Amino acid sequence: MRYMLLFHYSEESEETLGAEALAEGRRAMAAYAATLEQAGILVSSQILQSSTVTTTLTATGGEPRIQDGPYADTKEQLGGVVVIDVPDLDTALTWARQAPPAAWGTVEIRPGAVHIEDGAWVPS
């Protein structure tokens, strides 16, 4: 079963976080991704750019509305996503506990419903 590990945390700049802490976070994420890959469960991963470069599209009432910035005005933003393929939620939780963002934010574990594989919808 595929699970998405969604990383939510407060966005910090290099100036507010510090170059050393930023570098350590990057090293921790690289090591985590390598561990997932070595375990054979990593499907994909993305660390996102800052929400300050986000563009949001809504079409309420049929009219498209485009705005700069994230949809939700919150302290924590979605900072990245990892997709893993594991047998069950308990296993997904085990891997989520090891995610570096758990130490500085929230890791949301969400099962996938379906995904596209070779052009066809497949239950996750």
N, C-alpha and C. Protein backbone atom coordinates (compact mmCIF):
# COMPACT_ATOMS: atom_id res chain seq x y z
N MET A 1 0.85 -1.18 0.00
CA MET A 1 0.00 0.00 0.00
C MET A 1 0.88 1.23 0.00
N ARG A 2 0.49 2.20 -0.78
CA ARG A 2 1.26 3.45 -0.82
C ARG A 2 0.75 4.42 0.24
N TYR A 3 1.70 5.03 0.92
CA TYR A 3 1.41 6.06 1.90
C TYR A 3 2.22 7.31 1.55
N MET A 4 1.60 8.47 1.72
CA MET A 4 2.29 9.74 1.57
C MET A 4 2.66 10.25 2.95
N LEU A 5 3.92 10.61 3.09
CA LEU A 5 4.37 11.28 4.30
C LEU A 5 4.49 12.75 3.93
N LEU A 6 3.59 13.55 4.47
CA LEU A 6 3.54 14.98 4.15
C LEU A 6 4.20 15.74 5.29
N PHE A 7 5.21 16.51 4.96
CA PHE A 7 6.00 17.23 5.96
C PHE A 7 5.52 18.67 6.07
N HIS A 8 5.02 19.03 7.24
CA HIS A 8 4.56 20.39 7.52
C HIS A 8 5.47 20.98 8.59
N TYR A 9 5.99 22.16 8.31
CA TYR A 9 6.84 22.81 9.30
C TYR A 9 6.91 24.30 9.02
N SER A 10 7.37 25.03 10.02
CA SER A 10 7.53 26.47 9.89
C SER A 10 8.68 26.75 8.93
N GLU A 11 8.43 27.60 7.97
CA GLU A 11 9.48 27.93 7.01
C GLU A 11 10.46 28.92 7.63
N GLU A 12 11.71 28.59 7.50
CA GLU A 12 12.76 29.45 8.02
C GLU A 12 13.74 29.76 6.89
N SER A 13 14.25 30.96 6.90
CA SER A 13 15.27 31.33 5.91
C SER A 13 16.64 30.97 6.48
N GLU A 14 17.63 31.00 5.63
CA GLU A 14 18.99 30.74 6.09
C GLU A 14 19.40 31.77 7.14
N GLU A 15 18.90 32.99 6.98
CA GLU A 15 19.23 34.06 7.93
C GLU A 15 18.65 33.78 9.31
N THR A 16 17.40 33.29 9.38
CA THR A 16 16.78 33.05 10.68
C THR A 16 17.17 31.70 11.27
N LEU A 17 17.43 30.73 10.42
CA LEU A 17 17.77 29.39 10.87
C LEU A 17 19.26 29.22 11.10
N GLY A 18 20.05 29.82 10.24
CA GLY A 18 21.49 29.67 10.30
C GLY A 18 21.97 28.65 9.29
N ALA A 19 23.08 28.95 8.65
CA ALA A 19 23.61 28.09 7.59
C ALA A 19 23.92 26.69 8.09
N GLU A 20 24.46 26.57 9.29
CA GLU A 20 24.83 25.27 9.83
C GLU A 20 23.59 24.40 10.07
N ALA A 21 22.54 24.97 10.65
CA ALA A 21 21.31 24.22 10.91
C ALA A 21 20.64 23.82 9.60
N LEU A 22 20.65 24.70 8.62
CA LEU A 22 20.09 24.39 7.31
C LEU A 22 20.85 23.25 6.66
N ALA A 23 22.16 23.29 6.71
CA ALA A 23 22.98 22.22 6.13
C ALA A 23 22.73 20.89 6.85
N GLU A 24 22.60 20.93 8.17
CA GLU A 24 22.32 19.72 8.93
C GLU A 24 20.97 19.13 8.55
N GLY A 25 19.96 19.98 8.38
CA GLY A 25 18.64 19.52 7.94
C GLY A 25 18.69 18.85 6.58
N ARG A 26 19.46 19.44 5.67
CA ARG A 26 19.61 18.85 4.33
C ARG A 26 20.32 17.50 4.40
N ARG A 27 21.35 17.41 5.23
CA ARG A 27 22.06 16.13 5.40
C ARG A 27 21.12 15.07 5.98
N ALA A 28 20.33 15.46 6.96
CA ALA A 28 19.40 14.52 7.60
C ALA A 28 18.37 14.02 6.59
N MET A 29 17.85 14.92 5.77
CA MET A 29 16.86 14.50 4.76
C MET A 29 17.49 13.60 3.70
N ALA A 30 18.71 13.90 3.29
CA ALA A 30 19.40 13.06 2.30
C ALA A 30 19.64 11.66 2.87
N ALA A 31 20.05 11.59 4.12
CA ALA A 31 20.28 10.28 4.76
C ALA A 31 18.97 9.51 4.89
N TYR A 32 17.89 10.20 5.24
CA TYR A 32 16.58 9.56 5.38
C TYR A 32 16.12 9.00 4.03
N ALA A 33 16.24 9.80 2.98
CA ALA A 33 15.85 9.34 1.64
C ALA A 33 16.69 8.14 1.21
N ALA A 34 17.97 8.18 1.50
CA ALA A 34 18.85 7.05 1.15
C ALA A 34 18.43 5.79 1.91
N THR A 35 18.05 5.93 3.16
CA THR A 35 17.60 4.80 3.96
C THR A 35 16.32 4.20 3.39
N LEU A 36 15.38 5.06 3.00
CA LEU A 36 14.13 4.59 2.40
C LEU A 36 14.42 3.85 1.08
N GLU A 37 15.32 4.42 0.31
CA GLU A 37 15.67 3.81 -0.98
C GLU A 37 16.34 2.44 -0.76
N GLN A 38 17.27 2.37 0.17
CA GLN A 38 17.95 1.11 0.47
C GLN A 38 16.97 0.05 0.97
N ALA A 39 15.92 0.47 1.66
CA ALA A 39 14.91 -0.47 2.15
C ALA A 39 13.98 -0.92 1.03
N GLY A 40 14.06 -0.27 -0.12
CA GLY A 40 13.24 -0.65 -1.26
C GLY A 40 11.80 -0.19 -1.19
N ILE A 41 11.52 0.84 -0.38
CA ILE A 41 10.14 1.30 -0.21
C ILE A 41 9.89 2.69 -0.77
N LEU A 42 10.95 3.39 -1.17
CA LEU A 42 10.79 4.75 -1.67
C LEU A 42 10.21 4.73 -3.08
N VAL A 43 9.07 5.38 -3.27
CA VAL A 43 8.45 5.52 -4.59
C VAL A 43 8.89 6.84 -5.20
N SER A 44 8.80 7.92 -4.43
CA SER A 44 9.23 9.24 -4.89
C SER A 44 9.31 10.19 -3.71
N SER A 45 9.98 11.33 -3.93
CA SER A 45 10.05 12.35 -2.90
C SER A 45 10.27 13.71 -3.53
N GLN A 46 9.77 14.72 -2.86
CA GLN A 46 9.95 16.10 -3.29
C GLN A 46 10.05 16.98 -2.06
N ILE A 47 11.07 17.79 -2.00
CA ILE A 47 11.13 18.86 -1.02
C ILE A 47 10.76 20.12 -1.81
N LEU A 48 9.83 20.86 -1.28
CA LEU A 48 9.27 22.00 -2.02
C LEU A 48 10.04 23.29 -1.76
N GLN A 49 9.97 24.18 -2.74
CA GLN A 49 10.50 25.53 -2.54
C GLN A 49 9.60 26.26 -1.56
N SER A 50 10.03 27.40 -1.11
CA SER A 50 9.29 28.19 -0.14
C SER A 50 7.88 28.51 -0.62
N SER A 51 6.96 28.60 0.32
CA SER A 51 5.58 28.96 -0.03
C SER A 51 5.48 30.38 -0.58
N THR A 52 6.53 31.17 -0.41
CA THR A 52 6.50 32.54 -0.96
C THR A 52 6.49 32.53 -2.49
N VAL A 53 6.86 31.43 -3.12
CA VAL A 53 6.83 31.35 -4.58
C VAL A 53 5.63 30.53 -5.08
N THR A 54 4.70 30.24 -4.16
CA THR A 54 3.51 29.48 -4.50
C THR A 54 2.53 30.34 -5.29
N THR A 55 1.86 29.72 -6.24
CA THR A 55 0.72 30.32 -6.93
C THR A 55 -0.46 29.39 -6.71
N THR A 56 -1.59 29.94 -6.31
CA THR A 56 -2.77 29.15 -5.99
C THR A 56 -3.87 29.47 -6.99
N LEU A 57 -4.50 28.42 -7.51
CA LEU A 57 -5.62 28.56 -8.45
C LEU A 57 -6.86 27.98 -7.81
N THR A 58 -7.94 28.75 -7.82
CA THR A 58 -9.25 28.26 -7.41
C THR A 58 -10.23 28.60 -8.53
N ALA A 59 -11.30 27.83 -8.60
CA ALA A 59 -12.31 28.09 -9.64
C ALA A 59 -13.70 28.07 -9.03
N THR A 60 -13.83 28.69 -7.88
CA THR A 60 -15.12 28.77 -7.21
C THR A 60 -16.11 29.52 -8.10
N GLY A 61 -17.26 28.94 -8.29
CA GLY A 61 -18.26 29.56 -9.14
C GLY A 61 -17.92 29.49 -10.62
N GLY A 62 -16.95 28.66 -10.97
CA GLY A 62 -16.59 28.49 -12.38
C GLY A 62 -15.60 29.50 -12.91
N GLU A 63 -15.29 30.52 -12.16
CA GLU A 63 -14.34 31.54 -12.60
C GLU A 63 -12.98 31.30 -11.97
N PRO A 64 -11.95 31.15 -12.78
CA PRO A 64 -10.62 30.94 -12.21
C PRO A 64 -10.13 32.17 -11.46
N ARG A 65 -9.52 31.92 -10.32
CA ARG A 65 -8.92 32.99 -9.52
C ARG A 65 -7.51 32.55 -9.19
N ILE A 66 -6.55 33.36 -9.57
CA ILE A 66 -5.14 33.04 -9.34
C ILE A 66 -4.60 34.04 -8.33
N GLN A 67 -3.91 33.51 -7.32
CA GLN A 67 -3.32 34.40 -6.32
C GLN A 67 -1.91 33.93 -5.98
N ASP A 68 -1.09 34.86 -5.57
CA ASP A 68 0.25 34.53 -5.11
C ASP A 68 0.15 34.02 -3.69
N GLY A 69 1.01 33.08 -3.37
CA GLY A 69 1.08 32.57 -2.01
C GLY A 69 0.24 31.32 -1.81
N PRO A 70 0.41 30.70 -0.66
CA PRO A 70 -0.30 29.46 -0.37
C PRO A 70 -1.78 29.72 -0.09
N TYR A 71 -2.57 28.66 -0.21
CA TYR A 71 -4.00 28.76 0.05
C TYR A 71 -4.28 29.04 1.51
N ALA A 72 -3.61 28.33 2.40
CA ALA A 72 -3.84 28.49 3.83
C ALA A 72 -2.82 29.46 4.42
N ASP A 73 -3.30 30.37 5.24
CA ASP A 73 -2.42 31.31 5.93
C ASP A 73 -2.13 30.75 7.32
N THR A 74 -1.10 29.91 7.40
CA THR A 74 -0.76 29.26 8.66
C THR A 74 0.74 29.41 8.91
N LYS A 75 1.15 29.12 10.14
CA LYS A 75 2.58 29.17 10.46
C LYS A 75 3.33 28.04 9.76
N GLU A 76 2.74 26.84 9.79
CA GLU A 76 3.38 25.69 9.14
C GLU A 76 2.89 25.58 7.70
N GLN A 77 3.81 25.24 6.82
CA GLN A 77 3.49 25.05 5.41
C GLN A 77 3.89 23.64 5.00
N LEU A 78 3.29 23.15 3.93
CA LEU A 78 3.71 21.88 3.37
C LEU A 78 5.09 22.08 2.77
N GLY A 79 6.06 21.35 3.29
CA GLY A 79 7.44 21.54 2.85
C GLY A 79 7.98 20.42 1.99
N GLY A 80 7.28 19.29 1.97
CA GLY A 80 7.75 18.18 1.17
C GLY A 80 6.85 16.98 1.31
N VAL A 81 7.04 16.03 0.38
CA VAL A 81 6.23 14.83 0.35
C VAL A 81 7.13 13.65 0.00
N VAL A 82 6.96 12.55 0.71
CA VAL A 82 7.62 11.30 0.38
C VAL A 82 6.53 10.26 0.17
N VAL A 83 6.63 9.49 -0.89
CA VAL A 83 5.70 8.40 -1.15
C VAL A 83 6.44 7.10 -0.91
N ILE A 84 5.88 6.27 -0.02
CA ILE A 84 6.48 4.98 0.28
C ILE A 84 5.47 3.87 -0.02
N ASP A 85 5.96 2.70 -0.29
CA ASP A 85 5.11 1.53 -0.54
C ASP A 85 5.44 0.49 0.52
N VAL A 86 4.54 0.37 1.50
CA VAL A 86 4.74 -0.53 2.63
C VAL A 86 3.46 -1.34 2.88
N PRO A 87 3.54 -2.41 3.65
CA PRO A 87 2.38 -3.28 3.81
C PRO A 87 1.19 -2.68 4.57
N ASP A 88 1.46 -1.78 5.56
CA ASP A 88 0.36 -1.32 6.40
C ASP A 88 0.71 -0.01 7.10
N LEU A 89 -0.29 0.53 7.81
CA LEU A 89 -0.12 1.80 8.51
C LEU A 89 0.96 1.72 9.59
N ASP A 90 1.01 0.62 10.32
CA ASP A 90 2.04 0.50 11.37
C ASP A 90 3.44 0.64 10.79
N THR A 91 3.67 0.05 9.63
CA THR A 91 4.98 0.16 8.99
C THR A 91 5.21 1.60 8.52
N ALA A 92 4.17 2.23 7.97
CA ALA A 92 4.29 3.63 7.54
C ALA A 92 4.62 4.52 8.74
N LEU A 93 4.00 4.26 9.88
CA LEU A 93 4.28 5.04 11.09
C LEU A 93 5.71 4.84 11.56
N THR A 94 6.22 3.64 11.44
CA THR A 94 7.61 3.37 11.82
C THR A 94 8.56 4.23 10.99
N TRP A 95 8.31 4.31 9.69
CA TRP A 95 9.16 5.13 8.82
C TRP A 95 8.92 6.61 9.05
N ALA A 96 7.68 7.01 9.33
CA ALA A 96 7.38 8.42 9.57
C ALA A 96 8.08 8.92 10.83
N ARG A 97 8.18 8.07 11.84
CA ARG A 97 8.87 8.46 13.09
C ARG A 97 10.34 8.79 12.85
N GLN A 98 10.92 8.20 11.81
CA GLN A 98 12.32 8.42 11.50
C GLN A 98 12.55 9.65 10.62
N ALA A 99 11.47 10.26 10.11
CA ALA A 99 11.59 11.41 9.21
C ALA A 99 12.12 12.62 9.99
N PRO A 100 13.19 13.24 9.51
CA PRO A 100 13.73 14.40 10.21
C PRO A 100 12.70 15.50 10.49
N PRO A 101 11.75 15.79 9.58
CA PRO A 101 10.79 16.85 9.89
C PRO A 101 9.92 16.57 11.11
N ALA A 102 9.87 15.33 11.59
CA ALA A 102 9.11 15.05 12.81
C ALA A 102 9.70 15.80 14.00
N ALA A 103 10.99 16.11 13.92
CA ALA A 103 11.67 16.83 15.01
C ALA A 103 11.39 18.32 14.98
N TRP A 104 11.01 18.87 13.83
CA TRP A 104 10.79 20.31 13.77
C TRP A 104 9.42 20.70 13.24
N GLY A 105 8.53 19.74 13.06
CA GLY A 105 7.19 20.04 12.57
C GLY A 105 6.28 18.84 12.73
N THR A 106 5.47 18.62 11.72
CA THR A 106 4.47 17.56 11.74
C THR A 106 4.64 16.68 10.52
N VAL A 107 4.49 15.38 10.70
CA VAL A 107 4.48 14.45 9.57
C VAL A 107 3.07 13.88 9.50
N GLU A 108 2.38 14.17 8.42
CA GLU A 108 1.05 13.63 8.18
C GLU A 108 1.21 12.35 7.36
N ILE A 109 0.59 11.27 7.80
CA ILE A 109 0.66 10.00 7.10
C ILE A 109 -0.70 9.77 6.47
N ARG A 110 -0.73 9.72 5.14
CA ARG A 110 -2.01 9.57 4.45
C ARG A 110 -1.91 8.45 3.42
N PRO A 111 -2.83 7.47 3.51
CA PRO A 111 -2.80 6.40 2.53
C PRO A 111 -3.25 6.91 1.16
N GLY A 112 -2.63 6.35 0.14
CA GLY A 112 -3.05 6.67 -1.22
C GLY A 112 -4.30 5.89 -1.57
N ALA A 113 -5.12 6.44 -2.43
CA ALA A 113 -6.32 5.75 -2.88
C ALA A 113 -6.03 5.05 -4.21
N VAL A 114 -5.56 5.81 -5.17
CA VAL A 114 -5.20 5.28 -6.48
C VAL A 114 -4.02 6.07 -7.01
N HIS A 115 -3.30 5.50 -7.95
CA HIS A 115 -2.23 6.22 -8.63
C HIS A 115 -2.23 5.78 -10.10
N ILE A 116 -1.57 6.54 -10.93
CA ILE A 116 -1.49 6.19 -12.34
C ILE A 116 -0.19 5.44 -12.58
N GLU A 117 -0.31 4.29 -13.21
CA GLU A 117 0.85 3.46 -13.54
C GLU A 117 0.66 2.95 -14.96
N ASP A 118 1.63 3.25 -15.83
CA ASP A 118 1.54 2.86 -17.25
C ASP A 118 0.25 3.34 -17.89
N GLY A 119 -0.18 4.55 -17.51
CA GLY A 119 -1.35 5.17 -18.12
C GLY A 119 -2.69 4.71 -17.59
N ALA A 120 -2.69 3.86 -16.55
CA ALA A 120 -3.97 3.36 -16.02
C ALA A 120 -4.04 3.63 -14.52
N TRP A 121 -5.25 3.85 -14.03
CA TRP A 121 -5.47 4.02 -12.59
C TRP A 121 -5.33 2.68 -11.89
N VAL A 122 -4.55 2.66 -10.81
CA VAL A 122 -4.29 1.44 -10.06
C VAL A 122 -4.56 1.72 -8.59
N PRO A 123 -5.32 0.85 -7.90
CA PRO A 123 -5.51 1.06 -6.46
C PRO A 123 -4.15 1.04 -5.76
N SER A 124 -3.96 1.97 -4.82
CA SER A 124 -2.69 2.01 -4.08
C SER A 124 -2.73 1.01 -2.98
